[in-house]
Structures are given as C-alpha cells and as structure tokens.
Amino acid sequence: MNEPQQIIASNTEKFHTAEQMWFWFLYSKSVRTGFIQNHNNSAKRVCELLDVETLITKLYLSGQLTEEQLAVMKKFGDKRRAPHQYIWAENHAAYLWHGAMNTLENAARKKGWID
C-alpha cells in the first residue's frame, strides 16, 4: 500500500531521528495540555501532533508496534531519555525501544519527516 508523499513546506524543520520526533511529540503534547509552559524554542516541524499520533496508532493497529513497546516509549519518553542496554534493569526495555524506534523511523522517513 503506497501512501502519497506529503508536501513539505520549505520553512519547516525535519527531524534527525525517530527519538527526536518522539521526544518532540511528548513535549509538545505536554505543552498543549498545559502541563509545561511553552518557551517558544521549538522550530516549526514538518508534521503536526495529530500526524505523529495517527502514525503511531496505525503502526500499533497494524501490529508493527506492540503494546509493550508503546509502554516503554511512554515510560522513557516521560523521562526524556532512552533506556540503556548496559543497565541490567533497562536491558529488555532498551531492546523494545530500539525495535520501536526503528519501526517509527522507517514509517516517518517514508512520510518525509526524517532526514
């Protein structure tokens, strides 16, 4: 199934990695819901919050992301860091995180959101 490539405005900034996009998404959602004050230090991005949320939902519903991966993404996203594979207690989470970020990065790259 080929999805149409989105047209990217020239005054927007792409993400460098899926991690960067994920952390931006969680931070922006926090700002939007009023939990964090916006300091206007964020560049205009190539996609909207709803676009990222829709992509993640599609990946989950298609079985490309698991519930366990989403839980790890949320837990460590809230900590604003990735789990570390060399910390014994985070080893499994790091494995799930890596797989989830690869899936998210491939999907976001196809949409033109990641360099």
C-alpha atoms as a PDB file:
ATOM      1  CA  MET A   1       0.000   0.000   0.000  1.00  0.00           C
ATOM      2  CA  ASN A   2       1.637   3.218  -1.163  1.00  0.00           C
ATOM      3  CA  GLU A   3       0.711   6.345   0.743  1.00  0.00           C
ATOM      4  CA  PRO A   4       1.098   9.666  -1.047  1.00  0.00           C
ATOM      5  CA  GLN A   5       4.236  11.591  -0.149  1.00  0.00           C
ATOM      6  CA  GLN A   6       3.410  14.704   1.859  1.00  0.00           C
ATOM      7  CA  ILE A   7       4.426  18.077   0.526  1.00  0.00           C
ATOM      8  CA  ILE A   8       6.882  19.624   2.966  1.00  0.00           C
ATOM      9  CA  ALA A   9       6.892  23.399   3.398  1.00  0.00           C
ATOM     10  CA  SER A  10      10.323  24.969   2.946  1.00  0.00           C
ATOM     11  CA  ASN A  11      10.183  26.834   6.263  1.00  0.00           C
ATOM     12  CA  THR A  12       9.801  23.666   8.336  1.00  0.00           C
ATOM     13  CA  GLU A  13      12.428  21.566  10.031  1.00  0.00           C
ATOM     14  CA  LYS A  14      12.665  17.799   9.636  1.00  0.00           C
ATOM     15  CA  PHE A  15      13.636  15.500  12.470  1.00  0.00           C
ATOM     16  CA  HIS A  16      17.015  13.777  12.528  1.00  0.00           C
ATOM     17  CA  THR A  17      15.822  10.585  14.233  1.00  0.00           C
ATOM     18  CA  ALA A  18      12.679   8.859  15.444  1.00  0.00           C
ATOM     19  CA  GLU A  19      13.823   9.503  19.017  1.00  0.00           C
ATOM     20  CA  GLN A  20      13.964  13.221  18.358  1.00  0.00           C
ATOM     21  CA  MET A  21      10.467  13.099  16.856  1.00  0.00           C
ATOM     22  CA  TRP A  22       9.123  11.034  19.777  1.00  0.00           C
ATOM     23  CA  PHE A  23      10.563  13.377  22.413  1.00  0.00           C
ATOM     24  CA  TRP A  24       9.215  16.406  20.491  1.00  0.00           C
ATOM     25  CA  PHE A  25       5.795  14.755  20.301  1.00  0.00           C
ATOM     26  CA  LEU A  26       5.604  14.070  24.043  1.00  0.00           C
ATOM     27  CA  TYR A  27       6.941  17.523  24.950  1.00  0.00           C
ATOM     28  CA  SER A  28       4.521  19.244  22.576  1.00  0.00           C
ATOM     29  CA  LYS A  29       1.592  17.238  23.944  1.00  0.00           C
ATOM     30  CA  SER A  30       2.598  18.354  27.458  1.00  0.00           C
ATOM     31  CA  VAL A  31       2.689  21.976  26.341  1.00  0.00           C
ATOM     32  CA  ARG A  32      -0.649  21.602  24.609  1.00  0.00           C
ATOM     33  CA  THR A  33      -2.338  20.172  27.698  1.00  0.00           C
ATOM     34  CA  GLY A  34      -0.844  22.862  29.915  1.00  0.00           C
ATOM     35  CA  PHE A  35       1.477  20.683  31.990  1.00  0.00           C
ATOM     36  CA  ILE A  36       4.545  22.544  30.717  1.00  0.00           C
ATOM     37  CA  GLN A  37       4.809  26.165  29.700  1.00  0.00           C
ATOM     38  CA  ASN A  38       5.930  26.711  26.119  1.00  0.00           C
ATOM     39  CA  HIS A  39       9.171  28.645  25.861  1.00  0.00           C
ATOM     40  CA  ASN A  40       8.852  29.124  22.082  1.00  0.00           C
ATOM     41  CA  ASN A  41      12.209  27.471  21.459  1.00  0.00           C
ATOM     42  CA  SER A  42      10.822  24.900  19.064  1.00  0.00           C
ATOM     43  CA  ALA A  43      11.171  25.218  15.300  1.00  0.00           C
ATOM     44  CA  LYS A  44       8.139  24.689  13.081  1.00  0.00           C
ATOM     45  CA  ARG A  45       8.092  20.996  12.289  1.00  0.00           C
ATOM     46  CA  VAL A  46       7.190  19.133   9.107  1.00  0.00           C
ATOM     47  CA  CYS A  47       4.211  17.469  10.758  1.00  0.00           C
ATOM     48  CA  GLU A  48       1.593  18.180  13.388  1.00  0.00           C
ATOM     49  CA  LEU A  49       1.000  16.379  16.668  1.00  0.00           C
ATOM     50  CA  LEU A  50      -2.042  14.670  15.198  1.00  0.00           C
ATOM     51  CA  ASP A  51       0.076  13.369  12.298  1.00  0.00           C
ATOM     52  CA  VAL A  52       2.513  11.650  14.678  1.00  0.00           C
ATOM     53  CA  GLU A  53      -0.316  10.324  16.841  1.00  0.00           C
ATOM     54  CA  THR A  54      -2.074   8.934  13.766  1.00  0.00           C
ATOM     55  CA  LEU A  55       1.133   7.296  12.514  1.00  0.00           C
ATOM     56  CA  ILE A  56       1.780   5.625  15.869  1.00  0.00           C
ATOM     57  CA  THR A  57      -1.833   4.440  16.043  1.00  0.00           C
ATOM     58  CA  LYS A  58      -1.597   2.949  12.537  1.00  0.00           C
ATOM     59  CA  LEU A  59       1.662   1.203  13.416  1.00  0.00           C
ATOM     60  CA  TYR A  60       0.082  -0.243  16.557  1.00  0.00           C
ATOM     61  CA  LEU A  61      -3.149  -1.339  14.877  1.00  0.00           C
ATOM     62  CA  SER A  62      -1.193  -2.993  12.054  1.00  0.00           C
ATOM     63  CA  GLY A  63       0.876  -4.946  14.582  1.00  0.00           C
ATOM     64  CA  GLN A  64       4.127  -3.165  13.761  1.00  0.00           C
ATOM     65  CA  LEU A  65       4.319  -1.710  17.285  1.00  0.00           C
ATOM     66  CA  THR A  66       3.340  -3.761  20.315  1.00  0.00           C
ATOM     67  CA  GLU A  67       1.613  -2.649  23.482  1.00  0.00           C
ATOM     68  CA  GLU A  68       4.818  -3.443  25.383  1.00  0.00           C
ATOM     69  CA  GLN A  69       6.842  -1.223  23.032  1.00  0.00           C
ATOM     70  CA  LEU A  70       4.349   1.626  23.450  1.00  0.00           C
ATOM     71  CA  ALA A  71       4.583   1.317  27.225  1.00  0.00           C
ATOM     72  CA  VAL A  72       8.386   1.560  27.060  1.00  0.00           C
ATOM     73  CA  MET A  73       8.166   4.501  24.656  1.00  0.00           C
ATOM     74  CA  LYS A  74       5.855   6.341  27.056  1.00  0.00           C
ATOM     75  CA  LYS A  75       7.797   5.479  30.221  1.00  0.00           C
ATOM     76  CA  PHE A  76      11.184   6.550  28.891  1.00  0.00           C
ATOM     77  CA  GLY A  77       9.741   9.353  26.800  1.00  0.00           C
ATOM     78  CA  ASP A  78       8.417  10.887  30.007  1.00  0.00           C
ATOM     79  CA  LYS A  79      11.929  10.566  31.447  1.00  0.00           C
ATOM     80  CA  ARG A  80      13.245  12.297  28.291  1.00  0.00           C
ATOM     81  CA  ARG A  81      15.802   9.591  27.654  1.00  0.00           C
ATOM     82  CA  ALA A  82      16.144   6.222  26.015  1.00  0.00           C
ATOM     83  CA  PRO A  83      16.610   3.114  28.146  1.00  0.00           C
ATOM     84  CA  HIS A  84      20.215   1.994  28.358  1.00  0.00           C
ATOM     85  CA  GLN A  85      21.139  -1.503  27.225  1.00  0.00           C
ATOM     86  CA  TYR A  86      24.045  -1.753  29.677  1.00  0.00           C
ATOM     87  CA  ILE A  87      21.893  -1.061  32.734  1.00  0.00           C
ATOM     88  CA  TRP A  88      20.666  -4.512  33.715  1.00  0.00           C
ATOM     89  CA  ALA A  89      17.209  -3.334  34.801  1.00  0.00           C
ATOM     90  CA  GLU A  90      16.740  -1.488  31.477  1.00  0.00           C
ATOM     91  CA  ASN A  91      18.188  -4.103  29.114  1.00  0.00           C
ATOM     92  CA  HIS A  92      14.852  -5.525  27.925  1.00  0.00           C
ATOM     93  CA  ALA A  93      13.337  -2.037  27.690  1.00  0.00           C
ATOM     94  CA  ALA A  94      16.306  -0.956  25.529  1.00  0.00           C
ATOM     95  CA  TYR A  95      15.658  -3.874  23.184  1.00  0.00           C
ATOM     96  CA  LEU A  96      11.971  -2.921  22.866  1.00  0.00           C
ATOM     97  CA  TRP A  97      12.853   0.772  22.468  1.00  0.00           C
ATOM     98  CA  HIS A  98      15.334   0.056  19.686  1.00  0.00           C
ATOM     99  CA  GLY A  99      12.795  -2.010  17.744  1.00  0.00           C
ATOM    100  CA  ALA A 100      10.068   0.582  18.219  1.00  0.00           C
ATOM    101  CA  MET A 101      12.321   3.454  17.130  1.00  0.00           C
ATOM    102  CA  ASN A 102      13.387   1.518  14.006  1.00  0.00           C
ATOM    103  CA  THR A 103       9.752   0.929  13.089  1.00  0.00           C
ATOM    104  CA  LEU A 104       8.812   4.548  13.776  1.00  0.00           C
ATOM    105  CA  GLU A 105      11.831   5.890  11.908  1.00  0.00           C
ATOM    106  CA  ASN A 106      11.124   3.818   8.792  1.00  0.00           C
ATOM    107  CA  ALA A 107       7.489   4.951   8.720  1.00  0.00           C
ATOM    108  CA  ALA A 108       8.340   8.623   9.378  1.00  0.00           C
ATOM    109  CA  ARG A 109      11.123   8.586   6.783  1.00  0.00           C
ATOM    110  CA  LYS A 110       8.621   7.371   4.150  1.00  0.00           C
ATOM    111  CA  LYS A 111       6.465  10.375   5.017  1.00  0.00           C
ATOM    112  CA  GLY A 112       9.432  12.734   4.627  1.00  0.00           C
ATOM    113  CA  TRP A 113       9.538  13.767   8.286  1.00  0.00           C
ATOM    114  CA  ILE A 114      13.061  12.498   8.972  1.00  0.00           C
ATOM    115  CA  ASP A 115      16.231  13.420   7.070  1.00  0.00           C
END
